[in-house]
């Protein structure tokens, strides 16, 4: 099981859209993935250690180093397959 963390400003809309899109696409590709959605301000170094991938919507500057792979998942929100596919491909590459 690959654990992914998606985050946005409010932790309500964008991160949940990304969460559902990633889970759905990775399932289609044959991967067992779970994705959580949170508010960006709630992310801590200890929290990130529980995940395999961080799917951010915009580049985030934390007061600590992020030690897991970071994927810019913002293009998923445009709902244009040609823009979302590279994001999914990058996630798949990390999982492999």
PDB file of N, CA and C in Angstrom:
ATOM      1  N   UNK A   1       0.846  -1.182   0.000  1.00  0.00           N
ATOM      2  CA  UNK A   1       0.000   0.000   0.000  1.00  0.00           C
ATOM      3  C   UNK A   1       0.885   1.236   0.000  1.00  0.00           C
ATOM      4  N   UNK A   2       0.679   2.098  -0.963  1.00  0.00           N
ATOM      5  CA  UNK A   2       1.400   3.364  -1.037  1.00  0.00           C
ATOM      6  C   UNK A   2       0.529   4.445  -0.427  1.00  0.00           C
ATOM      7  N   UNK A   3       1.121   5.203   0.499  1.00  0.00           N
ATOM      8  CA  UNK A   3       0.381   6.265   1.185  1.00  0.00           C
ATOM      9  C   UNK A   3       0.811   7.624   0.645  1.00  0.00           C
ATOM     10  N   UNK A   4      -0.191   8.405   0.222  1.00  0.00           N
ATOM     11  CA  UNK A   4       0.056   9.708  -0.367  1.00  0.00           C
ATOM     12  C   UNK A   4      -0.671  10.768   0.447  1.00  0.00           C
ATOM     13  N   UNK A   5      -0.037  11.909   0.625  1.00  0.00           N
ATOM     14  CA  UNK A   5      -0.652  13.030   1.331  1.00  0.00           C
ATOM     15  C   UNK A   5      -0.860  14.167   0.342  1.00  0.00           C
ATOM     16  N   UNK A   6      -2.106  14.627   0.219  1.00  0.00           N
ATOM     17  CA  UNK A   6      -2.445  15.789  -0.602  1.00  0.00           C
ATOM     18  C   UNK A   6      -2.821  16.922   0.338  1.00  0.00           C
ATOM     19  N   UNK A   7      -2.421  18.127  -0.016  1.00  0.00           N
ATOM     20  CA  UNK A   7      -2.705  19.261   0.869  1.00  0.00           C
ATOM     21  C   UNK A   7      -3.044  20.501   0.054  1.00  0.00           C
ATOM     22  N   UNK A   8      -3.953  21.303   0.622  1.00  0.00           N
ATOM     23  CA  UNK A   8      -4.283  22.599   0.037  1.00  0.00           C
ATOM     24  C   UNK A   8      -4.525  23.578   1.177  1.00  0.00           C
ATOM     25  N   UNK A   9      -4.818  24.799   0.837  1.00  0.00           N
ATOM     26  CA  UNK A   9      -4.983  25.846   1.846  1.00  0.00           C
ATOM     27  C   UNK A   9      -6.018  25.532   2.900  1.00  0.00           C
ATOM     28  N   UNK A  10      -7.173  25.052   2.487  1.00  0.00           N
ATOM     29  CA  UNK A  10      -8.247  24.780   3.441  1.00  0.00           C
ATOM     30  C   UNK A  10      -8.401  23.295   3.759  1.00  0.00           C
ATOM     31  N   UNK A  11      -7.795  22.444   2.958  1.00  0.00           N
ATOM     32  CA  UNK A  11      -7.909  21.006   3.190  1.00  0.00           C
ATOM     33  C   UNK A  11      -9.287  20.462   2.889  1.00  0.00           C
ATOM     34  N   UNK A  12     -10.053  21.213   2.097  1.00  0.00           N
ATOM     35  CA  UNK A  12     -11.438  20.828   1.848  1.00  0.00           C
ATOM     36  C   UNK A  12     -11.693  20.506   0.379  1.00  0.00           C
ATOM     37  N   UNK A  13     -11.393  21.413  -0.504  1.00  0.00           N
ATOM     38  CA  UNK A  13     -11.806  21.244  -1.886  1.00  0.00           C
ATOM     39  C   UNK A  13     -10.706  20.672  -2.777  1.00  0.00           C
ATOM     40  N   UNK A  14      -9.696  21.454  -3.056  1.00  0.00           N
ATOM     41  CA  UNK A  14      -8.662  21.038  -4.008  1.00  0.00           C
ATOM     42  C   UNK A  14      -7.964  19.756  -3.589  1.00  0.00           C
ATOM     43  N   UNK A  15      -7.581  19.661  -2.345  1.00  0.00           N
ATOM     44  CA  UNK A  15      -6.869  18.458  -1.894  1.00  0.00           C
ATOM     45  C   UNK A  15      -7.754  17.224  -1.998  1.00  0.00           C
ATOM     46  N   UNK A  16      -9.048  17.377  -1.774  1.00  0.00           N
ATOM     47  CA  UNK A  16      -9.960  16.231  -1.894  1.00  0.00           C
ATOM     48  C   UNK A  16     -10.156  15.839  -3.355  1.00  0.00           C
ATOM     49  N   UNK A  17     -10.188  16.826  -4.249  1.00  0.00           N
ATOM     50  CA  UNK A  17     -10.281  16.505  -5.677  1.00  0.00           C
ATOM     51  C   UNK A  17      -9.046  15.730  -6.122  1.00  0.00           C
ATOM     52  N   UNK A  18      -7.889  16.173  -5.670  1.00  0.00           N
ATOM     53  CA  UNK A  18      -6.640  15.493  -6.017  1.00  0.00           C
ATOM     54  C   UNK A  18      -6.609  14.099  -5.402  1.00  0.00           C
ATOM     55  N   UNK A  19      -7.011  13.989  -4.161  1.00  0.00           N
ATOM     56  CA  UNK A  19      -7.064  12.695  -3.466  1.00  0.00           C
ATOM     57  C   UNK A  19      -7.870  11.687  -4.282  1.00  0.00           C
ATOM     58  N   UNK A  20      -9.085  12.065  -4.641  1.00  0.00           N
ATOM     59  CA  UNK A  20      -9.962  11.139  -5.367  1.00  0.00           C
ATOM     60  C   UNK A  20      -9.413  10.816  -6.759  1.00  0.00           C
ATOM     61  N   UNK A  21      -8.866  11.825  -7.428  1.00  0.00           N
ATOM     62  CA  UNK A  21      -8.321  11.598  -8.767  1.00  0.00           C
ATOM     63  C   UNK A  21      -7.128  10.643  -8.728  1.00  0.00           C
ATOM     64  N   UNK A  22      -6.234  10.844  -7.771  1.00  0.00           N
ATOM     65  CA  UNK A  22      -5.059   9.970  -7.659  1.00  0.00           C
ATOM     66  C   UNK A  22      -5.484   8.547  -7.317  1.00  0.00           C
ATOM     67  N   UNK A  23      -6.360   8.392  -6.338  1.00  0.00           N
ATOM     68  CA  UNK A  23      -6.803   7.046  -5.960  1.00  0.00           C
ATOM     69  C   UNK A  23      -7.463   6.336  -7.139  1.00  0.00           C
ATOM     70  N   UNK A  24      -8.297   7.044  -7.868  1.00  0.00           N
ATOM     71  CA  UNK A  24      -9.003   6.450  -9.000  1.00  0.00           C
ATOM     72  C   UNK A  24      -8.035   6.056 -10.121  1.00  0.00           C
ATOM     73  N   UNK A  25      -7.138   6.963 -10.477  1.00  0.00           N
ATOM     74  CA  UNK A  25      -6.202   6.687 -11.574  1.00  0.00           C
ATOM     75  C   UNK A  25      -5.214   5.581 -11.208  1.00  0.00           C
ATOM     76  N   UNK A  26      -4.695   5.601 -10.004  1.00  0.00           N
ATOM     77  CA  UNK A  26      -3.732   4.569  -9.615  1.00  0.00           C
ATOM     78  C   UNK A  26      -4.407   3.201  -9.516  1.00  0.00           C
ATOM     79  N   UNK A  27      -5.667   3.179  -9.118  1.00  0.00           N
ATOM     80  CA  UNK A  27      -6.418   1.915  -9.095  1.00  0.00           C
ATOM     81  C   UNK A  27      -6.548   1.375 -10.522  1.00  0.00           C
ATOM     82  N   UNK A  28      -6.853   2.259 -11.480  1.00  0.00           N
ATOM     83  CA  UNK A  28      -6.951   1.849 -12.886  1.00  0.00           C
ATOM     84  C   UNK A  28      -5.630   1.277 -13.383  1.00  0.00           C
ATOM     85  N   UNK A  29      -4.539   1.802 -12.851  1.00  0.00           N
ATOM     86  CA  UNK A  29      -3.213   1.356 -13.267  1.00  0.00           C
ATOM     87  C   UNK A  29      -2.735   0.135 -12.484  1.00  0.00           C
ATOM     88  N   UNK A  30      -3.562  -0.320 -11.554  1.00  0.00           N
ATOM     89  CA  UNK A  30      -3.247  -1.553 -10.837  1.00  0.00           C
ATOM     90  C   UNK A  30      -2.483  -1.378  -9.540  1.00  0.00           C
ATOM     91  N   UNK A  31      -2.486  -0.183  -8.983  1.00  0.00           N
ATOM     92  CA  UNK A  31      -1.754   0.073  -7.746  1.00  0.00           C
ATOM     93  C   UNK A  31      -2.700   0.225  -6.564  1.00  0.00           C
ATOM     94  N   UNK A  32      -2.237  -0.233  -5.422  1.00  0.00           N
ATOM     95  CA  UNK A  32      -2.988  -0.103  -4.179  1.00  0.00           C
ATOM     96  C   UNK A  32      -2.498   1.168  -3.477  1.00  0.00           C
ATOM     97  N   UNK A  33      -3.281   2.224  -3.576  1.00  0.00           N
ATOM     98  CA  UNK A  33      -2.886   3.540  -3.080  1.00  0.00           C
ATOM     99  C   UNK A  33      -3.981   4.097  -2.173  1.00  0.00           C
ATOM    100  N   UNK A  34      -3.555   4.741  -1.112  1.00  0.00           N
ATOM    101  CA  UNK A  34      -4.482   5.492  -0.279  1.00  0.00           C
ATOM    102  C   UNK A  34      -3.948   6.914  -0.185  1.00  0.00           C
ATOM    103  N   UNK A  35      -4.861   7.855  -0.208  1.00  0.00           N
ATOM    104  CA  UNK A  35      -4.455   9.255  -0.199  1.00  0.00           C
ATOM    105  C   UNK A  35      -5.281  10.002   0.845  1.00  0.00           C
ATOM    106  N   UNK A  36      -4.612  10.785   1.655  1.00  0.00           N
ATOM    107  CA  UNK A  36      -5.285  11.628   2.646  1.00  0.00           C
ATOM    108  C   UNK A  36      -5.196  13.077   2.203  1.00  0.00           C
ATOM    109  N   UNK A  37      -6.187  13.874   2.601  1.00  0.00           N
ATOM    110  CA  UNK A  37      -6.230  15.295   2.262  1.00  0.00           C
ATOM    111  C   UNK A  37      -6.243  16.115   3.551  1.00  0.00           C
ATOM    112  N   UNK A  38      -5.365  17.109   3.614  1.00  0.00           N
ATOM    113  CA  UNK A  38      -5.250  17.935   4.820  1.00  0.00           C
ATOM    114  C   UNK A  38      -5.011  19.396   4.450  1.00  0.00           C
ATOM    115  N   UNK A  39      -5.094  20.248   5.481  1.00  0.00           N
ATOM    116  CA  UNK A  39      -4.731  21.655   5.326  1.00  0.00           C
ATOM    117  C   UNK A  39      -3.213  21.757   5.349  1.00  0.00           C
ATOM    118  N   UNK A  40      -2.678  22.576   4.462  1.00  0.00           N
ATOM    119  CA  UNK A  40      -1.217  22.709   4.366  1.00  0.00           C
ATOM    120  C   UNK A  40      -0.606  23.152   5.690  1.00  0.00           C
ATOM    121  N   UNK A  41      -1.299  24.008   6.429  1.00  0.00           N
ATOM    122  CA  UNK A  41      -0.755  24.533   7.687  1.00  0.00           C
ATOM    123  C   UNK A  41      -0.654  23.463   8.771  1.00  0.00           C
ATOM    124  N   UNK A  42      -1.358  22.349   8.605  1.00  0.00           N
ATOM    125  CA  UNK A  42      -1.351  21.287   9.606  1.00  0.00           C
ATOM    126  C   UNK A  42      -0.231  20.260   9.401  1.00  0.00           C
ATOM    127  N   UNK A  43       0.493  20.376   8.304  1.00  0.00           N
ATOM    128  CA  UNK A  43       1.545  19.404   8.019  1.00  0.00           C
ATOM    129  C   UNK A  43       2.751  19.638   8.921  1.00  0.00           C
ATOM    130  N   UNK A  44       3.196  18.554   9.515  1.00  0.00           N
ATOM    131  CA  UNK A  44       4.399  18.584  10.347  1.00  0.00           C
ATOM    132  C   UNK A  44       5.407  17.585   9.774  1.00  0.00           C
ATOM    133  N   UNK A  45       6.629  17.709  10.233  1.00  0.00           N
ATOM    134  CA  UNK A  45       7.668  16.783   9.796  1.00  0.00           C
ATOM    135  C   UNK A  45       7.305  15.350  10.170  1.00  0.00           C
ATOM    136  N   UNK A  46       6.791  15.159  11.374  1.00  0.00           N
ATOM    137  CA  UNK A  46       6.396  13.814  11.818  1.00  0.00           C
ATOM    138  C   UNK A  46       5.247  13.268  10.975  1.00  0.00           C
ATOM    139  N   UNK A  47       4.303  14.127  10.604  1.00  0.00           N
ATOM    140  CA  UNK A  47       3.178  13.691   9.780  1.00  0.00           C
ATOM    141  C   UNK A  47       3.685  13.178   8.432  1.00  0.00           C
ATOM    142  N   UNK A  48       4.566  13.930   7.792  1.00  0.00           N
ATOM    143  CA  UNK A  48       5.057  13.541   6.473  1.00  0.00           C
ATOM    144  C   UNK A  48       5.806  12.215   6.490  1.00  0.00           C
ATOM    145  N   UNK A  49       6.423  11.891   7.606  1.00  0.00           N
ATOM    146  CA  UNK A  49       7.168  10.632   7.712  1.00  0.00           C
ATOM    147  C   UNK A  49       6.264   9.404   7.590  1.00  0.00           C
ATOM    148  N   UNK A  50       4.961   9.593   7.736  1.00  0.00           N
ATOM    149  CA  UNK A  50       4.006   8.485   7.652  1.00  0.00           C
ATOM    150  C   UNK A  50       3.551   8.212   6.219  1.00  0.00           C
ATOM    151  N   UNK A  51       4.041   9.028   5.272  1.00  0.00           N
ATOM    152  CA  UNK A  51       3.603   8.917   3.882  1.00  0.00           C
ATOM    153  C   UNK A  51       4.774   8.600   2.972  1.00  0.00           C
ATOM    154  N   UNK A  52       4.433   8.083   1.790  1.00  0.00           N
ATOM    155  CA  UNK A  52       5.432   7.735   0.790  1.00  0.00           C
ATOM    156  C   UNK A  52       5.626   8.848  -0.243  1.00  0.00           C
ATOM    157  N   UNK A  53       4.559   9.634  -0.473  1.00  0.00           N
ATOM    158  CA  UNK A  53       4.579  10.695  -1.477  1.00  0.00           C
ATOM    159  C   UNK A  53       3.791  11.889  -0.954  1.00  0.00           C
ATOM    160  N   UNK A  54       4.290  13.085  -1.224  1.00  0.00           N
ATOM    161  CA  UNK A  54       3.566  14.313  -0.885  1.00  0.00           C
ATOM    162  C   UNK A  54       3.099  14.956  -2.184  1.00  0.00           C
ATOM    163  N   UNK A  55       1.786  15.034  -2.386  1.00  0.00           N
ATOM    164  CA  UNK A  55       1.190  15.637  -3.580  1.00  0.00           C
ATOM    165  C   UNK A  55       0.766  17.060  -3.228  1.00  0.00           C
ATOM    166  N   UNK A  56       1.632  18.002  -3.547  1.00  0.00           N
ATOM    167  CA  UNK A  56       1.330  19.393  -3.231  1.00  0.00           C
ATOM    168  C   UNK A  56       0.626  20.057  -4.402  1.00  0.00           C
ATOM    169  N   UNK A  57      -0.124  21.093  -4.088  1.00  0.00           N
ATOM    170  CA  UNK A  57      -0.832  21.829  -5.129  1.00  0.00           C
ATOM    171  C   UNK A  57       0.028  22.992  -5.614  1.00  0.00           C
ATOM    172  N   UNK A  58       0.773  23.563  -4.717  1.00  0.00           N
ATOM    173  CA  UNK A  58       1.703  24.645  -5.044  1.00  0.00           C
ATOM    174  C   UNK A  58       2.970  24.416  -4.230  1.00  0.00           C
ATOM    175  N   UNK A  59       4.077  24.928  -4.732  1.00  0.00           N
ATOM    176  CA  UNK A  59       5.340  24.743  -4.015  1.00  0.00           C
ATOM    177  C   UNK A  59       5.215  25.321  -2.609  1.00  0.00           C
ATOM    178  N   UNK A  60       5.591  24.511  -1.640  1.00  0.00           N
ATOM    179  CA  UNK A  60       5.424  24.877  -0.241  1.00  0.00           C
ATOM    180  C   UNK A  60       6.784  24.948   0.434  1.00  0.00           C
ATOM    181  N   UNK A  61       6.992  25.991   1.196  1.00  0.00           N
ATOM    182  CA  UNK A  61       8.244  26.169   1.922  1.00  0.00           C
ATOM    183  C   UNK A  61       7.981  25.876   3.403  1.00  0.00           C
ATOM    184  N   UNK A  62       8.417  24.707   3.840  1.00  0.00           N
ATOM    185  CA  UNK A  62       8.248  24.318   5.231  1.00  0.00           C
ATOM    186  C   UNK A  62       9.467  24.752   6.037  1.00  0.00           C
ATOM    187  N   UNK A  63       9.346  24.723   7.341  1.00  0.00           N
ATOM    188  CA  UNK A  63      10.479  25.057   8.206  1.00  0.00           C
ATOM    189  C   UNK A  63      11.356  23.825   8.462  1.00  0.00           C
ATOM    190  N   UNK A  64      11.116  22.767   7.696  1.00  0.00           N
ATOM    191  CA  UNK A  64      11.870  21.522   7.812  1.00  0.00           C
ATOM    192  C   UNK A  64      12.062  20.946   6.411  1.00  0.00           C
ATOM    193  N   UNK A  65      12.988  20.019   6.291  1.00  0.00           N
ATOM    194  CA  UNK A  65      13.235  19.372   5.004  1.00  0.00           C
ATOM    195  C   UNK A  65      12.218  18.266   4.772  1.00  0.00           C
ATOM    196  N   UNK A  66      11.669  18.221   3.575  1.00  0.00           N
ATOM    197  CA  UNK A  66      10.753  17.154   3.186  1.00  0.00           C
ATOM    198  C   UNK A  66      11.615  16.020   2.634  1.00  0.00           C
ATOM    199  N   UNK A  67      11.517  14.855   3.242  1.00  0.00           N
ATOM    200  CA  UNK A  67      12.394  13.741   2.891  1.00  0.00           C
ATOM    201  C   UNK A  67      11.723  12.676   2.033  1.00  0.00           C
ATOM    202  N   UNK A  68      10.476  12.903   1.650  1.00  0.00           N
ATOM    203  CA  UNK A  68       9.780  11.972   0.762  1.00  0.00           C
ATOM    204  C   UNK A  68       9.618  12.644  -0.601  1.00  0.00           C
ATOM    205  N   UNK A  69       9.374  11.867  -1.651  1.00  0.00           N
ATOM    206  CA  UNK A  69       9.186  12.469  -2.971  1.00  0.00           C
ATOM    207  C   UNK A  69       7.989  13.433  -2.977  1.00  0.00           C
ATOM    208  N   UNK A  70       8.185  14.560  -3.655  1.00  0.00           N
ATOM    209  CA  UNK A  70       7.149  15.587  -3.771  1.00  0.00           C
ATOM    210  C   UNK A  70       6.709  15.664  -5.229  1.00  0.00           C
ATOM    211  N   UNK A  71       5.394  15.648  -5.439  1.00  0.00           N
ATOM    212  CA  UNK A  71       4.826  15.730  -6.776  1.00  0.00           C
ATOM    213  C   UNK A  71       3.930  16.962  -6.840  1.00  0.00           C
ATOM    214  N   UNK A  72       4.118  17.783  -7.876  1.00  0.00           N
ATOM    215  CA  UNK A  72       3.230  18.921  -8.077  1.00  0.00           C
ATOM    216  C   UNK A  72       1.945  18.394  -8.705  1.00  0.00           C
ATOM    217  N   UNK A  73       0.895  18.275  -7.904  1.00  0.00           N
ATOM    218  CA  UNK A  73      -0.369  17.696  -8.364  1.00  0.00           C
ATOM    219  C   UNK A  73      -1.367  18.745  -8.833  1.00  0.00           C
ATOM    220  N   UNK A  74      -0.985  20.010  -8.811  1.00  0.00           N
ATOM    221  CA  UNK A  74      -1.878  21.080  -9.229  1.00  0.00           C
ATOM    222  C   UNK A  74      -2.531  20.877 -10.586  1.00  0.00           C
ATOM    223  N   UNK A  75      -1.793  20.382 -11.610  1.00  0.00           N
ATOM    224  CA  UNK A  75      -2.408  20.210 -12.925  1.00  0.00           C
ATOM    225  C   UNK A  75      -3.625  19.279 -12.939  1.00  0.00           C
ATOM    226  N   UNK A  76      -3.754  18.407 -11.962  1.00  0.00           N
ATOM    227  CA  UNK A  76      -4.923  17.522 -11.897  1.00  0.00           C
ATOM    228  C   UNK A  76      -6.198  18.351 -11.791  1.00  0.00           C
ATOM    229  N   UNK A  77      -6.117  19.495 -11.124  1.00  0.00           N
ATOM    230  CA  UNK A  77      -7.301  20.326 -10.888  1.00  0.00           C
ATOM    231  C   UNK A  77      -7.884  20.916 -12.166  1.00  0.00           C
ATOM    232  N   UNK A  78      -7.064  21.027 -13.221  1.00  0.00           N
ATOM    233  CA  UNK A  78      -7.565  21.591 -14.480  1.00  0.00           C
ATOM    234  C   UNK A  78      -8.477  20.622 -15.222  1.00  0.00           C
ATOM    235  N   UNK A  79      -8.422  19.360 -14.824  1.00  0.00           N
ATOM    236  CA  UNK A  79      -9.245  18.302 -15.431  1.00  0.00           C
ATOM    237  C   UNK A  79      -9.031  18.178 -16.931  1.00  0.00           C
ATOM    238  N   UNK A  80      -7.808  18.448 -17.338  1.00  0.00           N
ATOM    239  CA  UNK A  80      -7.414  18.265 -18.730  1.00  0.00           C
ATOM    240  C   UNK A  80      -6.486  17.052 -18.750  1.00  0.00           C
ATOM    241  N   UNK A  81      -6.919  15.964 -19.364  1.00  0.00           N
ATOM    242  CA  UNK A  81      -6.135  14.731 -19.322  1.00  0.00           C
ATOM    243  C   UNK A  81      -4.674  14.908 -19.711  1.00  0.00           C
ATOM    244  N   UNK A  82      -4.398  15.729 -20.707  1.00  0.00           N
ATOM    245  CA  UNK A  82      -3.016  15.914 -21.145  1.00  0.00           C
ATOM    246  C   UNK A  82      -2.158  16.574 -20.066  1.00  0.00           C
ATOM    247  N   UNK A  83      -2.776  17.346 -19.174  1.00  0.00           N
ATOM    248  CA  UNK A  83      -2.032  17.991 -18.091  1.00  0.00           C
ATOM    249  C   UNK A  83      -1.904  17.071 -16.885  1.00  0.00           C
ATOM    250  N   UNK A  84      -2.928  16.257 -16.639  1.00  0.00           N
ATOM    251  CA  UNK A  84      -2.928  15.373 -15.474  1.00  0.00           C
ATOM    252  C   UNK A  84      -2.057  14.134 -15.690  1.00  0.00           C
ATOM    253  N   UNK A  85      -1.981  13.641 -16.923  1.00  0.00           N
ATOM    254  CA  UNK A  85      -1.247  12.404 -17.191  1.00  0.00           C
ATOM    255  C   UNK A  85       0.200  12.449 -16.699  1.00  0.00           C
ATOM    256  N   UNK A  86       0.954  13.535 -16.939  1.00  0.00           N
ATOM    257  CA  UNK A  86       2.332  13.554 -16.427  1.00  0.00           C
ATOM    258  C   UNK A  86       2.415  13.455 -14.899  1.00  0.00           C
ATOM    259  N   UNK A  87       1.414  13.977 -14.211  1.00  0.00           N
ATOM    260  CA  UNK A  87       1.380  13.874 -12.748  1.00  0.00           C
ATOM    261  C   UNK A  87       1.182  12.416 -12.345  1.00  0.00           C
ATOM    262  N   UNK A  88       0.213  11.764 -12.967  1.00  0.00           N
ATOM    263  CA  UNK A  88      -0.027  10.351 -12.673  1.00  0.00           C
ATOM    264  C   UNK A  88       1.188   9.503 -13.028  1.00  0.00           C
ATOM    265  N   UNK A  89       1.810   9.815 -14.159  1.00  0.00           N
ATOM    266  CA  UNK A  89       3.001   9.056 -14.580  1.00  0.00           C
ATOM    267  C   UNK A  89       4.134   9.230 -13.558  1.00  0.00           C
ATOM    268  N   UNK A  90       4.296  10.436 -13.029  1.00  0.00           N
ATOM    269  CA  UNK A  90       5.343  10.679 -12.027  1.00  0.00           C
ATOM    270  C   UNK A  90       5.056   9.900 -10.748  1.00  0.00           C
ATOM    271  N   UNK A  91       3.787   9.884 -10.332  1.00  0.00           N
ATOM    272  CA  UNK A  91       3.414   9.119  -9.137  1.00  0.00           C
ATOM    273  C   UNK A  91       3.683   7.631  -9.372  1.00  0.00           C
ATOM    274  N   UNK A  92       3.295   7.142 -10.543  1.00  0.00           N
ATOM    275  CA  UNK A  92       3.535   5.738 -10.862  1.00  0.00           C
ATOM    276  C   UNK A  92       5.026   5.420 -10.858  1.00  0.00           C
ATOM    277  N   UNK A  93       5.815   6.306 -11.388  1.00  0.00           N
ATOM    278  CA  UNK A  93       7.271   6.115 -11.418  1.00  0.00           C
ATOM    279  C   UNK A  93       7.842   6.027 -10.006  1.00  0.00           C
ATOM    280  N   UNK A  94       7.352   6.850  -9.120  1.00  0.00           N
ATOM    281  CA  UNK A  94       7.813   6.807  -7.726  1.00  0.00           C
ATOM    282  C   UNK A  94       7.394   5.505  -7.054  1.00  0.00           C
ATOM    283  N   UNK A  95       6.174   5.078  -7.315  1.00  0.00           N
ATOM    284  CA  UNK A  95       5.680   3.826  -6.718  1.00  0.00           C
ATOM    285  C   UNK A  95       6.539   2.649  -7.168  1.00  0.00           C
ATOM    286  N   UNK A  96       6.876   2.630  -8.451  1.00  0.00           N
ATOM    287  CA  UNK A  96       7.680   1.517  -8.993  1.00  0.00           C
ATOM    288  C   UNK A  96       9.041   1.510  -8.334  1.00  0.00           C
TER     289      UNK A  96
END
